[in-house]
Amino acid sequence: MFKKFFLILTIFSFCTNVIAEEIIMKCKNYRYKYVADSSGISIYASHIKRDKKKYHKFCPSEVRDDNKHFLISVEGAEMIIADKKITCLTSKGVLKSGVVTASTSVTDFEKFKRNSEFYWNGKKQTQTEKCKK
């Protein structure tokens, strides 16, 4: 009887065990969230003042309900995920506050840092940030 109970309990615990990992990283103006679960890896971002902790998909390839409050259009967006290092490449993004072109940003959830290089309204910009877990 005890062996059957232990066997059922063991099987049940393996069937209901969901492995998930979530990392939240706070940088100067943004929070980034890395979520790895059975459906894959998802990356989210939230501008600290503008979004008030409401996350939207990071590196958007289209205007959606979660980003239409700041994004007008986007072209050539591609996200590359290598372990916990996320690279977002965007040809052009039209935001309500300006235009970004030739954007490359790297968000590292292991080393807790971000680097980006882009043109903002025609002027080249670079950013390097150390972030907190």
C-alpha atoms as a PDB file:
ATOM      1  CA  MET A   1       0.000   0.000   0.000  1.00  0.00           C
ATOM      2  CA  PHE A   2       2.780   2.457   0.942  1.00  0.00           C
ATOM      3  CA  LYS A   3       4.707   1.658  -2.259  1.00  0.00           C
ATOM      4  CA  LYS A   4       1.619   2.370  -4.418  1.00  0.00           C
ATOM      5  CA  PHE A   5       0.972   5.647  -2.616  1.00  0.00           C
ATOM      6  CA  PHE A   6       4.613   6.722  -2.992  1.00  0.00           C
ATOM      7  CA  LEU A   7       4.594   5.743  -6.679  1.00  0.00           C
ATOM      8  CA  ILE A   8       1.397   7.738  -7.364  1.00  0.00           C
ATOM      9  CA  LEU A   9       2.751  10.722  -5.439  1.00  0.00           C
ATOM     10  CA  THR A  10       6.017  10.606  -7.393  1.00  0.00           C
ATOM     11  CA  ILE A  11       4.246  10.381 -10.760  1.00  0.00           C
ATOM     12  CA  PHE A  12       1.883  13.212  -9.805  1.00  0.00           C
ATOM     13  CA  SER A  13       4.747  15.482  -8.747  1.00  0.00           C
ATOM     14  CA  PHE A  14       6.555  14.945 -12.057  1.00  0.00           C
ATOM     15  CA  CYS A  15       3.403  15.568 -14.088  1.00  0.00           C
ATOM     16  CA  THR A  16       2.573  18.846 -12.376  1.00  0.00           C
ATOM     17  CA  ASN A  17       6.098  20.193 -12.027  1.00  0.00           C
ATOM     18  CA  VAL A  18       6.537  23.175 -14.354  1.00  0.00           C
ATOM     19  CA  ILE A  19      10.048  24.462 -14.772  1.00  0.00           C
ATOM     20  CA  ALA A  20      10.144  28.208 -15.292  1.00  0.00           C
ATOM     21  CA  GLU A  21      12.712  30.911 -14.854  1.00  0.00           C
ATOM     22  CA  GLU A  22      12.063  34.620 -14.545  1.00  0.00           C
ATOM     23  CA  ILE A  23      14.704  37.336 -14.272  1.00  0.00           C
ATOM     24  CA  ILE A  24      13.830  40.995 -13.807  1.00  0.00           C
ATOM     25  CA  MET A  25      16.569  43.501 -14.459  1.00  0.00           C
ATOM     26  CA  LYS A  26      16.297  47.214 -13.632  1.00  0.00           C
ATOM     27  CA  CYS A  27      18.359  49.647 -15.660  1.00  0.00           C
ATOM     28  CA  LYS A  28      18.345  53.456 -15.678  1.00  0.00           C
ATOM     29  CA  ASN A  29      15.011  54.060 -17.433  1.00  0.00           C
ATOM     30  CA  TYR A  30      13.675  50.556 -18.084  1.00  0.00           C
ATOM     31  CA  ARG A  31      12.884  47.253 -16.441  1.00  0.00           C
ATOM     32  CA  TYR A  32      13.490  44.119 -18.518  1.00  0.00           C
ATOM     33  CA  LYS A  33      11.966  40.720 -17.877  1.00  0.00           C
ATOM     34  CA  TYR A  34      13.349  37.395 -19.125  1.00  0.00           C
ATOM     35  CA  VAL A  35      10.857  34.513 -18.945  1.00  0.00           C
ATOM     36  CA  ALA A  36      11.830  30.943 -19.866  1.00  0.00           C
ATOM     37  CA  ASP A  37       9.149  28.290 -19.512  1.00  0.00           C
ATOM     38  CA  SER A  38       7.758  25.284 -21.382  1.00  0.00           C
ATOM     39  CA  SER A  39       6.517  27.537 -24.208  1.00  0.00           C
ATOM     40  CA  GLY A  40       9.976  29.048 -24.826  1.00  0.00           C
ATOM     41  CA  ILE A  41      11.745  32.310 -24.021  1.00  0.00           C
ATOM     42  CA  SER A  42       9.956  35.658 -23.914  1.00  0.00           C
ATOM     43  CA  ILE A  43      11.482  39.070 -23.280  1.00  0.00           C
ATOM     44  CA  TYR A  44       9.533  42.071 -22.000  1.00  0.00           C
ATOM     45  CA  ALA A  45      10.354  45.704 -21.267  1.00  0.00           C
ATOM     46  CA  SER A  46       8.726  48.506 -19.308  1.00  0.00           C
ATOM     47  CA  HIS A  47       9.707  52.173 -19.242  1.00  0.00           C
ATOM     48  CA  ILE A  48       9.812  53.061 -15.547  1.00  0.00           C
ATOM     49  CA  LYS A  49       7.941  56.387 -15.804  1.00  0.00           C
ATOM     50  CA  ARG A  50       5.866  55.954 -18.965  1.00  0.00           C
ATOM     51  CA  ASP A  51       4.635  52.364 -18.589  1.00  0.00           C
ATOM     52  CA  LYS A  52       4.221  52.208 -14.795  1.00  0.00           C
ATOM     53  CA  LYS A  53       5.336  48.550 -14.532  1.00  0.00           C
ATOM     54  CA  LYS A  54       3.104  47.401 -17.419  1.00  0.00           C
ATOM     55  CA  TYR A  55       5.359  45.309 -19.615  1.00  0.00           C
ATOM     56  CA  HIS A  56       5.299  45.087 -23.402  1.00  0.00           C
ATOM     57  CA  LYS A  57       7.090  42.650 -25.711  1.00  0.00           C
ATOM     58  CA  PHE A  58      10.722  43.654 -26.135  1.00  0.00           C
ATOM     59  CA  CYS A  59      12.002  44.227 -29.688  1.00  0.00           C
ATOM     60  CA  PRO A  60       8.550  44.534 -31.256  1.00  0.00           C
ATOM     61  CA  SER A  61       8.130  43.616 -34.916  1.00  0.00           C
ATOM     62  CA  GLU A  62       4.711  45.276 -35.172  1.00  0.00           C
ATOM     63  CA  VAL A  63       2.432  47.755 -33.459  1.00  0.00           C
ATOM     64  CA  ARG A  64       0.224  45.942 -30.925  1.00  0.00           C
ATOM     65  CA  ASP A  65      -2.103  46.819 -28.067  1.00  0.00           C
ATOM     66  CA  ASP A  66       0.744  46.622 -25.540  1.00  0.00           C
ATOM     67  CA  ASN A  67       3.013  49.103 -27.407  1.00  0.00           C
ATOM     68  CA  LYS A  68       0.715  51.425 -29.370  1.00  0.00           C
ATOM     69  CA  HIS A  69       0.965  54.071 -26.644  1.00  0.00           C
ATOM     70  CA  PHE A  70       4.538  54.845 -27.799  1.00  0.00           C
ATOM     71  CA  LEU A  71       5.135  53.043 -31.140  1.00  0.00           C
ATOM     72  CA  ILE A  72       3.759  54.262 -34.489  1.00  0.00           C
ATOM     73  CA  SER A  73       5.562  51.851 -36.856  1.00  0.00           C
ATOM     74  CA  VAL A  74       8.562  49.526 -37.027  1.00  0.00           C
ATOM     75  CA  GLU A  75      10.597  48.061 -39.891  1.00  0.00           C
ATOM     76  CA  GLY A  76      13.175  45.285 -40.007  1.00  0.00           C
ATOM     77  CA  ALA A  77      13.013  44.181 -36.379  1.00  0.00           C
ATOM     78  CA  GLU A  78      14.820  40.971 -35.461  1.00  0.00           C
ATOM     79  CA  MET A  79      15.511  39.471 -32.043  1.00  0.00           C
ATOM     80  CA  ILE A  80      18.396  37.037 -31.531  1.00  0.00           C
ATOM     81  CA  ILE A  81      18.423  34.997 -28.320  1.00  0.00           C
ATOM     82  CA  ALA A  82      21.679  33.301 -27.315  1.00  0.00           C
ATOM     83  CA  ASP A  83      21.372  31.849 -23.814  1.00  0.00           C
ATOM     84  CA  LYS A  84      20.506  34.892 -21.697  1.00  0.00           C
ATOM     85  CA  LYS A  85      21.967  37.488 -24.061  1.00  0.00           C
ATOM     86  CA  ILE A  86      19.313  39.173 -26.207  1.00  0.00           C
ATOM     87  CA  THR A  87      20.189  41.188 -29.307  1.00  0.00           C
ATOM     88  CA  CYS A  88      17.537  43.404 -30.913  1.00  0.00           C
ATOM     89  CA  LEU A  89      18.189  44.743 -34.412  1.00  0.00           C
ATOM     90  CA  THR A  90      15.813  47.324 -35.904  1.00  0.00           C
ATOM     91  CA  SER A  91      16.109  49.124 -39.248  1.00  0.00           C
ATOM     92  CA  LYS A  92      13.624  51.869 -38.399  1.00  0.00           C
ATOM     93  CA  GLY A  93      11.196  52.634 -35.625  1.00  0.00           C
ATOM     94  CA  VAL A  94       8.821  55.584 -35.577  1.00  0.00           C
ATOM     95  CA  LEU A  95       7.878  56.475 -32.028  1.00  0.00           C
ATOM     96  CA  LYS A  96       5.608  59.225 -30.805  1.00  0.00           C
ATOM     97  CA  SER A  97       8.719  60.981 -29.476  1.00  0.00           C
ATOM     98  CA  GLY A  98      10.989  60.591 -32.545  1.00  0.00           C
ATOM     99  CA  VAL A  99      12.576  58.273 -35.111  1.00  0.00           C
ATOM    100  CA  VAL A 100      15.202  55.614 -34.385  1.00  0.00           C
ATOM    101  CA  THR A 101      17.209  53.978 -37.202  1.00  0.00           C
ATOM    102  CA  ALA A 102      19.976  51.384 -37.496  1.00  0.00           C
ATOM    103  CA  SER A 103      19.436  50.265 -33.895  1.00  0.00           C
ATOM    104  CA  THR A 104      21.404  47.459 -32.261  1.00  0.00           C
ATOM    105  CA  SER A 105      20.857  46.743 -28.583  1.00  0.00           C
ATOM    106  CA  VAL A 106      22.273  43.912 -26.502  1.00  0.00           C
ATOM    107  CA  THR A 107      20.650  43.030 -23.182  1.00  0.00           C
ATOM    108  CA  ASP A 108      22.597  40.560 -21.054  1.00  0.00           C
ATOM    109  CA  PHE A 109      20.592  38.896 -18.274  1.00  0.00           C
ATOM    110  CA  GLU A 110      23.668  37.069 -16.910  1.00  0.00           C
ATOM    111  CA  LYS A 111      26.012  40.034 -16.578  1.00  0.00           C
ATOM    112  CA  PHE A 112      23.171  42.524 -15.932  1.00  0.00           C
ATOM    113  CA  LYS A 113      24.189  45.097 -18.490  1.00  0.00           C
ATOM    114  CA  ARG A 114      22.901  46.717 -21.692  1.00  0.00           C
ATOM    115  CA  ASN A 115      24.673  48.235 -24.671  1.00  0.00           C
ATOM    116  CA  SER A 116      23.019  49.961 -27.588  1.00  0.00           C
ATOM    117  CA  GLU A 117      23.988  51.917 -30.664  1.00  0.00           C
ATOM    118  CA  PHE A 118      21.444  53.738 -32.837  1.00  0.00           C
ATOM    119  CA  TYR A 119      20.536  56.932 -34.643  1.00  0.00           C
ATOM    120  CA  TRP A 120      17.943  59.059 -32.846  1.00  0.00           C
ATOM    121  CA  ASN A 121      16.397  61.690 -35.125  1.00  0.00           C
ATOM    122  CA  GLY A 122      19.494  61.440 -37.341  1.00  0.00           C
ATOM    123  CA  LYS A 123      22.134  61.751 -34.601  1.00  0.00           C
ATOM    124  CA  LYS A 124      24.283  58.776 -33.593  1.00  0.00           C
ATOM    125  CA  GLN A 125      23.814  57.669 -29.978  1.00  0.00           C
ATOM    126  CA  THR A 126      25.419  54.996 -27.821  1.00  0.00           C
ATOM    127  CA  GLN A 127      24.407  53.755 -24.399  1.00  0.00           C
ATOM    128  CA  THR A 128      26.126  51.489 -21.916  1.00  0.00           C
ATOM    129  CA  GLU A 129      24.360  50.639 -18.688  1.00  0.00           C
ATOM    130  CA  LYS A 130      24.998  48.478 -15.684  1.00  0.00           C
ATOM    131  CA  CYS A 131      21.728  47.157 -14.334  1.00  0.00           C
ATOM    132  CA  LYS A 132      20.475  45.583 -11.121  1.00  0.00           C
ATOM    133  CA  LYS A 133      18.761  42.266 -10.616  1.00  0.00           C
END
